[in-house]
PDB file of N, CA and C in Angstrom:
ATOM      1  N   MET A   1      78.668  98.284 117.737  1.00  0.00           N
ATOM      2  CA  MET A   1      79.999  98.549 118.028  1.00  0.00           C
ATOM      3  C   MET A   1      81.501  98.659 117.396  1.00  0.00           C
ATOM      4  N   LEU A   2      81.273  97.775 115.981  1.00  0.00           N
ATOM      5  CA  LEU A   2      82.535  98.373 115.461  1.00  0.00           C
ATOM      6  C   LEU A   2      82.530  99.839 114.916  1.00  0.00           C
ATOM      7  N   GLU A   3      81.069 100.677 113.927  1.00  0.00           N
ATOM      8  CA  GLU A   3      80.242 101.291 113.823  1.00  0.00           C
ATOM      9  C   GLU A   3      81.302 102.620 114.384  1.00  0.00           C
ATOM     10  N   ILE A   4      80.760 102.232 115.953  1.00  0.00           N
ATOM     11  CA  ILE A   4      81.238 103.816 116.329  1.00  0.00           C
ATOM     12  C   ILE A   4      82.942 103.723 117.087  1.00  0.00           C
ATOM     13  N   ALA A   5      83.828 102.159 117.213  1.00  0.00           N
ATOM     14  CA  ALA A   5      85.106 102.406 117.138  1.00  0.00           C
ATOM     15  C   ALA A   5      85.594 102.941 115.650  1.00  0.00           C
ATOM     16  N   LEU A   6      85.377 103.112 113.928  1.00  0.00           N
ATOM     17  CA  LEU A   6      85.633 103.411 112.985  1.00  0.00           C
ATOM     18  C   LEU A   6      84.838 104.555 112.923  1.00  0.00           C
ATOM     19  N   ARG A   7      83.893 105.131 113.382  1.00  0.00           N
ATOM     20  CA  ARG A   7      84.088 106.636 113.273  1.00  0.00           C
ATOM     21  C   ARG A   7      84.456 107.538 114.412  1.00  0.00           C
ATOM     22  N   LYS A   8      85.265 106.687 115.304  1.00  0.00           N
ATOM     23  CA  LYS A   8      86.208 107.394 116.177  1.00  0.00           C
ATOM     24  C   LYS A   8      87.302 107.674 115.891  1.00  0.00           C
ATOM     25  N   PHE A   9      88.032 106.598 114.941  1.00  0.00           N
ATOM     26  CA  PHE A   9      88.609 107.126 114.081  1.00  0.00           C
ATOM     27  C   PHE A   9      88.882 107.348 113.557  1.00  0.00           C
ATOM     28  N   ARG A  10      88.059 107.355 112.331  1.00  0.00           N
ATOM     29  CA  ARG A  10      88.238 108.363 111.833  1.00  0.00           C
ATOM     30  C   ARG A  10      87.997 109.730 111.909  1.00  0.00           C
ATOM     31  N   ALA A  11      87.540 110.515 112.841  1.00  0.00           N
ATOM     32  CA  ALA A  11      87.629 111.731 114.135  1.00  0.00           C
ATOM     33  C   ALA A  11      89.072 111.936 114.226  1.00  0.00           C
ATOM     34  N   ALA A  12      89.953 110.667 114.201  1.00  0.00           N
ATOM     35  CA  ALA A  12      91.339 111.515 115.105  1.00  0.00           C
ATOM     36  C   ALA A  12      92.061 111.143 113.836  1.00  0.00           C
ATOM     37  N   GLN A  13      91.688 110.588 112.663  1.00  0.00           N
ATOM     38  CA  GLN A  13      92.903 110.577 111.893  1.00  0.00           C
ATOM     39  C   GLN A  13      93.431 111.555 110.862  1.00  0.00           C
ATOM     40  N   PRO A  14      92.463 112.911 111.041  1.00  0.00           N
ATOM     41  CA  PRO A  14      92.863 113.822 110.213  1.00  0.00           C
ATOM     42  C   PRO A  14      93.967 114.741 111.406  1.00  0.00           C
ATOM     43  N   PRO A  15      93.802 115.217 112.369  1.00  0.00           N
ATOM     44  CA  PRO A  15      94.567 115.539 113.495  1.00  0.00           C
ATOM     45  C   PRO A  15      96.072 114.763 114.101  1.00  0.00           C
ATOM     46  N   VAL A  16      96.010 113.922 113.613  1.00  0.00           N
ATOM     47  CA  VAL A  16      97.570 112.603 113.584  1.00  0.00           C
ATOM     48  C   VAL A  16      98.123 112.761 112.256  1.00  0.00           C
ATOM     49  N   LEU A  17      96.990 112.401 111.205  1.00  0.00           N
ATOM     50  CA  LEU A  17      98.323 112.895 110.345  1.00  0.00           C
ATOM     51  C   LEU A  17      98.204 114.511 109.812  1.00  0.00           C
ATOM     52  N   ALA A  18      98.043 115.305 110.885  1.00  0.00           N
ATOM     53  CA  ALA A  18      98.386 116.596 110.335  1.00  0.00           C
ATOM     54  C   ALA A  18      99.317 116.614 110.488  1.00  0.00           C
ATOM     55  N   PHE A  19      99.673 116.174 111.862  1.00  0.00           N
ATOM     56  CA  PHE A  19     100.524 116.013 113.560  1.00  0.00           C
ATOM     57  C   PHE A  19     101.512 115.725 112.366  1.00  0.00           C
ATOM     58  N   VAL A  20     101.796 114.831 112.100  1.00  0.00           N
ATOM     59  CA  VAL A  20     102.657 114.153 111.116  1.00  0.00           C
ATOM     60  C   VAL A  20     103.309 114.224 110.103  1.00  0.00           C
ATOM     61  N   ASP A  21     102.724 115.522 109.251  1.00  0.00           N
ATOM     62  CA  ASP A  21     102.940 115.724 108.079  1.00  0.00           C
ATOM     63  C   ASP A  21     103.353 117.135 108.442  1.00  0.00           C
ATOM     64  N   SER A  22     103.342 117.303 109.829  1.00  0.00           N
ATOM     65  CA  SER A  22     104.150 118.911 110.085  1.00  0.00           C
ATOM     66  C   SER A  22     105.700 119.178 110.064  1.00  0.00           C
ATOM     67  N   GLY A  23     105.913 120.579 109.751  1.00  0.00           N
ATOM     68  CA  GLY A  23     107.241 120.750 109.900  1.00  0.00           C
ATOM     69  C   GLY A  23     108.703 119.873 110.669  1.00  0.00           C
ATOM     70  N   PRO A  24     107.801 120.465 112.058  1.00  0.00           N
ATOM     71  CA  PRO A  24     109.125 119.106 112.814  1.00  0.00           C
ATOM     72  C   PRO A  24     109.167 118.071 111.854  1.00  0.00           C
ATOM     73  N   VAL A  25     108.265 116.826 112.161  1.00  0.00           N
ATOM     74  CA  VAL A  25     108.113 115.514 112.250  1.00  0.00           C
ATOM     75  C   VAL A  25     109.315 115.621 110.605  1.00  0.00           C
ATOM     76  N   LEU A  26     108.780 116.295 109.656  1.00  0.00           N
ATOM     77  CA  LEU A  26     109.677 116.153 108.009  1.00  0.00           C
ATOM     78  C   LEU A  26     110.865 116.243 108.128  1.00  0.00           C
ATOM     79  N   VAL A  27     111.347 117.270 109.244  1.00  0.00           N
ATOM     80  CA  VAL A  27     112.787 117.851 109.842  1.00  0.00           C
ATOM     81  C   VAL A  27     113.112 116.696 110.321  1.00  0.00           C
ATOM     82  N   ILE A  28     112.622 115.804 111.051  1.00  0.00           N
ATOM     83  CA  ILE A  28     113.520 114.699 111.568  1.00  0.00           C
ATOM     84  C   ILE A  28     113.261 113.198 110.819  1.00  0.00           C
ATOM     85  N   PHE A  29     112.945 112.742 110.097  1.00  0.00           N
ATOM     86  CA  PHE A  29     112.681 112.187 109.176  1.00  0.00           C
ATOM     87  C   PHE A  29     113.617 112.554 108.129  1.00  0.00           C
ATOM     88  N   MET A  30     113.879 113.501 107.572  1.00  0.00           N
ATOM     89  CA  MET A  30     114.782 114.081 106.990  1.00  0.00           C
ATOM     90  C   MET A  30     116.204 113.778 107.576  1.00  0.00           C
ATOM     91  N   MET A  31     116.221 114.145 108.741  1.00  0.00           N
ATOM     92  CA  MET A  31     117.981 113.654 109.268  1.00  0.00           C
ATOM     93  C   MET A  31     117.777 112.239 110.045  1.00  0.00           C
ATOM     94  N   MET A  32     117.080 111.470 109.480  1.00  0.00           N
ATOM     95  CA  MET A  32     117.062 109.801 109.722  1.00  0.00           C
ATOM     96  C   MET A  32     117.322 109.654 108.185  1.00  0.00           C
ATOM     97  N   THR A  33     117.511 110.140 107.556  1.00  0.00           N
ATOM     98  CA  THR A  33     116.974 109.527 106.314  1.00  0.00           C
ATOM     99  C   THR A  33     118.930 109.904 106.209  1.00  0.00           C
ATOM    100  N   PHE A  34     119.238 111.345 105.926  1.00  0.00           N
ATOM    101  CA  PHE A  34     120.740 110.656 106.244  1.00  0.00           C
ATOM    102  C   PHE A  34     121.410 110.157 107.207  1.00  0.00           C
ATOM    103  N   TRP A  35     121.121 109.618 108.364  1.00  0.00           N
ATOM    104  CA  TRP A  35     121.730 109.206 109.553  1.00  0.00           C
ATOM    105  C   TRP A  35     121.591 107.677 108.234  1.00  0.00           C
ATOM    106  N   ALA A  36     120.508 107.570 108.099  1.00  0.00           N
ATOM    107  CA  ALA A  36     120.645 106.091 106.872  1.00  0.00           C
ATOM    108  C   ALA A  36     121.496 106.101 105.437  1.00  0.00           C
ATOM    109  N   LEU A  37     121.778 107.227 104.951  1.00  0.00           N
ATOM    110  CA  LEU A  37     122.795 107.174 104.621  1.00  0.00           C
ATOM    111  C   LEU A  37     124.169 107.296 104.352  1.00  0.00           C
ATOM    112  N   PHE A  38     124.222 107.679 105.871  1.00  0.00           N
ATOM    113  CA  PHE A  38     125.800 108.426 105.968  1.00  0.00           C
ATOM    114  C   PHE A  38     126.381 107.573 107.090  1.00  0.00           C
ATOM    115  N   ALA A  39     125.832 107.348 107.979  1.00  0.00           N
ATOM    116  CA  ALA A  39     126.451 106.773 109.332  1.00  0.00           C
ATOM    117  C   ALA A  39     127.355 105.854 109.167  1.00  0.00           C
ATOM    118  N   SER A  40     126.808 104.821 108.601  1.00  0.00           N
ATOM    119  CA  SER A  40     127.546 103.877 108.375  1.00  0.00           C
ATOM    120  C   SER A  40     129.159 103.848 108.024  1.00  0.00           C
ATOM    121  N   GLU A  41     128.972 104.971 106.742  1.00  0.00           N
ATOM    122  CA  GLU A  41     130.257 105.124 106.548  1.00  0.00           C
ATOM    123  C   GLU A  41     130.904 106.161 108.062  1.00  0.00           C
ATOM    124  N   VAL A  42     130.350 107.295 108.259  1.00  0.00           N
ATOM    125  CA  VAL A  42     130.968 108.168 109.066  1.00  0.00           C
ATOM    126  C   VAL A  42     131.289 106.598 110.740  1.00  0.00           C
ATOM    127  N   HIS A  43     130.948 106.058 110.876  1.00  0.00           N
ATOM    128  CA  HIS A  43     130.753 104.653 111.868  1.00  0.00           C
ATOM    129  C   HIS A  43     131.993 104.186 111.575  1.00  0.00           C
ATOM    130  N   LEU A  44     132.549 104.300 110.808  1.00  0.00           N
ATOM    131  CA  LEU A  44     133.347 102.566 110.117  1.00  0.00           C
ATOM    132  C   LEU A  44     134.440 104.157 110.072  1.00  0.00           C
ATOM    133  N   ALA A  45     134.112 105.249 109.440  1.00  0.00           N
ATOM    134  CA  ALA A  45     135.406 105.858 109.952  1.00  0.00           C
ATOM    135  C   ALA A  45     136.772 106.496 110.326  1.00  0.00           C
ATOM    136  N   THR A  46     135.569 106.625 111.996  1.00  0.00           N
ATOM    137  CA  THR A  46     135.808 107.390 113.221  1.00  0.00           C
ATOM    138  C   THR A  46     136.486 105.998 113.805  1.00  0.00           C
ATOM    139  N   THR A  47     135.569 105.177 114.304  1.00  0.00           N
ATOM    140  CA  THR A  47     136.144 103.688 115.632  1.00  0.00           C
ATOM    141  C   THR A  47     136.763 102.987 114.582  1.00  0.00           C
ATOM    142  N   THR A  48     137.217 102.225 115.481  1.00  0.00           N
ATOM    143  CA  THR A  48     138.090 100.769 115.003  1.00  0.00           C
ATOM    144  C   THR A  48     136.890  99.497 116.586  1.00  0.00           C
ATOM    145  N   SER A  49     136.933 100.210 117.951  1.00  0.00           N
ATOM    146  CA  SER A  49     136.135 100.227 118.616  1.00  0.00           C
ATOM    147  C   SER A  49     134.789  99.111 118.651  1.00  0.00           C
ATOM    148  N   ASP A  50     134.057  97.787 119.119  1.00  0.00           N
ATOM    149  CA  ASP A  50     133.181  97.479 118.938  1.00  0.00           C
ATOM    150  C   ASP A  50     132.091  97.509 120.095  1.00  0.00           C
ATOM    151  N   LYS A  51     133.203  99.112 120.733  1.00  0.00           N
ATOM    152  CA  LYS A  51     131.803  99.475 121.864  1.00  0.00           C
ATOM    153  C   LYS A  51     130.884 100.155 121.514  1.00  0.00           C
ATOM    154  N   TYR A  52     130.557 101.065 120.330  1.00  0.00           N
ATOM    155  CA  TYR A  52     129.407 101.349 119.714  1.00  0.00           C
ATOM    156  C   TYR A  52     128.900 101.046 118.670  1.00  0.00           C
ATOM    157  N   ASP A  53     129.095  99.576 118.689  1.00  0.00           N
ATOM    158  CA  ASP A  53     128.323  98.436 117.327  1.00  0.00           C
ATOM    159  C   ASP A  53     126.605  99.202 117.932  1.00  0.00           C
ATOM    160  N   ALA A  54     126.227  98.477 119.109  1.00  0.00           N
ATOM    161  CA  ALA A  54     125.415  97.571 120.215  1.00  0.00           C
ATOM    162  C   ALA A  54     124.379  98.667 119.534  1.00  0.00           C
ATOM    163  N   PRO A  55     124.841 100.304 119.888  1.00  0.00           N
ATOM    164  CA  PRO A  55     123.889 101.770 120.279  1.00  0.00           C
ATOM    165  C   PRO A  55     123.859 101.614 119.079  1.00  0.00           C
ATOM    166  N   PHE A  56     124.735 101.871 117.864  1.00  0.00           N
ATOM    167  CA  PHE A  56     124.500 101.910 116.508  1.00  0.00           C
ATOM    168  C   PHE A  56     123.370 101.391 115.627  1.00  0.00           C
ATOM    169  N   ALA A  57     123.635 100.363 115.939  1.00  0.00           N
ATOM    170  CA  ALA A  57     122.558  98.876 115.522  1.00  0.00           C
ATOM    171  C   ALA A  57     121.145  99.323 115.948  1.00  0.00           C
ATOM    172  N   LEU A  58     121.151  99.628 117.325  1.00  0.00           N
ATOM    173  CA  LEU A  58     119.720  99.954 118.307  1.00  0.00           C
ATOM    174  C   LEU A  58     118.867 101.534 117.394  1.00  0.00           C
ATOM    175  N   VAL A  59     119.919 102.569 117.120  1.00  0.00           N
ATOM    176  CA  VAL A  59     119.155 103.410 116.685  1.00  0.00           C
ATOM    177  C   VAL A  59     118.993 103.298 114.869  1.00  0.00           C
ATOM    178  N   SER A  60     119.922 102.193 114.401  1.00  0.00           N
ATOM    179  CA  SER A  60     119.236 102.736 112.573  1.00  0.00           C
ATOM    180  C   SER A  60     118.197 101.057 112.983  1.00  0.00           C
ATOM    181  N   LEU A  61     118.332 100.099 113.749  1.00  0.00           N
ATOM    182  CA  LEU A  61     117.071  99.176 113.764  1.00  0.00           C
ATOM    183  C   LEU A  61     115.548 100.122 113.941  1.00  0.00           C
ATOM    184  N   THR A  62     115.786 101.453 115.296  1.00  0.00           N
ATOM    185  CA  THR A  62     114.929 102.064 114.993  1.00  0.00           C
ATOM    186  C   THR A  62     114.537 102.975 114.060  1.00  0.00           C
ATOM    187  N   PHE A  63     115.299 103.824 113.367  1.00  0.00           N
ATOM    188  CA  PHE A  63     115.043 104.313 112.307  1.00  0.00           C
ATOM    189  C   PHE A  63     114.345 103.063 110.936  1.00  0.00           C
ATOM    190  N   MET A  64     114.582 102.376 111.276  1.00  0.00           N
ATOM    191  CA  MET A  64     114.148 101.314 110.038  1.00  0.00           C
ATOM    192  C   MET A  64     113.067 101.045 110.228  1.00  0.00           C
ATOM    193  N   VAL A  65     112.139 100.763 112.111  1.00  0.00           N
ATOM    194  CA  VAL A  65     111.182 100.155 112.573  1.00  0.00           C
ATOM    195  C   VAL A  65     109.848 102.008 111.657  1.00  0.00           C
ATOM    196  N   LEU A  66     110.692 103.033 112.520  1.00  0.00           N
ATOM    197  CA  LEU A  66     109.874 104.539 111.683  1.00  0.00           C
ATOM    198  C   LEU A  66     109.858 104.439 110.220  1.00  0.00           C
ATOM    199  N   PHE A  67     110.618 104.575 109.379  1.00  0.00           N
ATOM    200  CA  PHE A  67     110.330 104.436 108.152  1.00  0.00           C
ATOM    201  C   PHE A  67     109.383 103.120 108.155  1.00  0.00           C
ATOM    202  N   GLY A  68     109.346 102.024 107.590  1.00  0.00           N
ATOM    203  CA  GLY A  68     108.419 100.746 107.835  1.00  0.00           C
ATOM    204  C   GLY A  68     106.913 101.406 108.243  1.00  0.00           C
ATOM    205  N   ILE A  69     106.860 102.060 108.831  1.00  0.00           N
ATOM    206  CA  ILE A  69     105.827 102.665 109.663  1.00  0.00           C
ATOM    207  C   ILE A  69     105.354 104.171 108.524  1.00  0.00           C
ATOM    208  N   GLU A  70     106.071 104.715 108.616  1.00  0.00           N
ATOM    209  CA  GLU A  70     105.980 105.966 107.885  1.00  0.00           C
ATOM    210  C   GLU A  70     105.261 105.824 105.953  1.00  0.00           C
ATOM    211  N   VAL A  71     105.973 104.626 104.992  1.00  0.00           N
ATOM    212  CA  VAL A  71     105.519 104.167 104.123  1.00  0.00           C
ATOM    213  C   VAL A  71     104.311 103.586 104.115  1.00  0.00           C
ATOM    214  N   PRO A  72     103.260 102.959 104.934  1.00  0.00           N
ATOM    215  CA  PRO A  72     102.252 103.013 104.924  1.00  0.00           C
ATOM    216  C   PRO A  72     101.248 103.556 105.382  1.00  0.00           C
ATOM    217  N   ARG A  73     101.629 104.672 106.142  1.00  0.00           N
ATOM    218  CA  ARG A  73     100.907 106.458 106.634  1.00  0.00           C
ATOM    219  C   ARG A  73     100.882 106.708 105.640  1.00  0.00           C
ATOM    220  N   CYS A  74     101.727 106.859 104.665  1.00  0.00           N
ATOM    221  CA  CYS A  74     101.857 108.279 103.247  1.00  0.00           C
ATOM    222  C   CYS A  74     101.057 107.173 102.261  1.00  0.00           C
ATOM    223  N   GLU A  75     101.168 105.810 102.394  1.00  0.00           N
ATOM    224  CA  GLU A  75      99.964 105.132 101.382  1.00  0.00           C
ATOM    225  C   GLU A  75      98.190 105.377 102.205  1.00  0.00           C
ATOM    226  N   VAL A  76      98.201 105.796 102.980  1.00  0.00           N
ATOM    227  CA  VAL A  76      97.120 106.040 103.911  1.00  0.00           C
ATOM    228  C   VAL A  76      96.196 107.949 103.480  1.00  0.00           C
ATOM    229  N   ARG A  77      97.823 108.340 103.703  1.00  0.00           N
ATOM    230  CA  ARG A  77      97.050 110.046 103.767  1.00  0.00           C
ATOM    231  C   ARG A  77      96.890 110.451 102.196  1.00  0.00           C
ATOM    232  N   GLU A  78      97.818 109.867 101.026  1.00  0.00           N
ATOM    233  CA  GLU A  78      97.831 109.711  99.598  1.00  0.00           C
ATOM    234  C   GLU A  78      97.647 108.666  99.319  1.00  0.00           C
ATOM    235  N   PRO A  79      97.027 107.630  98.577  1.00  0.00           N
ATOM    236  CA  PRO A  79      97.559 106.262  98.112  1.00  0.00           C
ATOM    237  C   PRO A  79      97.590 106.367  96.615  1.00  0.00           C
ATOM    238  N   VAL A  80      98.200 105.593  95.611  1.00  0.00           N
ATOM    239  CA  VAL A  80      98.847 105.820  94.868  1.00  0.00           C
ATOM    240  C   VAL A  80      97.781 105.463  94.044  1.00  0.00           C
ATOM    241  N   SER A  81      97.523 105.419  92.722  1.00  0.00           N
ATOM    242  CA  SER A  81      96.601 105.544  92.420  1.00  0.00           C
ATOM    243  C   SER A  81      97.136 104.766  90.472  1.00  0.00           C
TER     244      SER A  81
END
């Protein structure tokens, strides 16, 4: 049973990895990187209201989780030797 599951996983892996290494996904991660680098400063410079703190924190947390998923995924795709 485990062998069948592993075979299905290995068969599905190339198309999934090809998608996550595609141009649109890389552009999204590039925009997320810019958000991680500069959004806090822009947020602090443009507003003094606490109204936007929760949505800002939610977007930042979401991006952090996606980055946390991407790092092991990259390791599976191209292991460090």
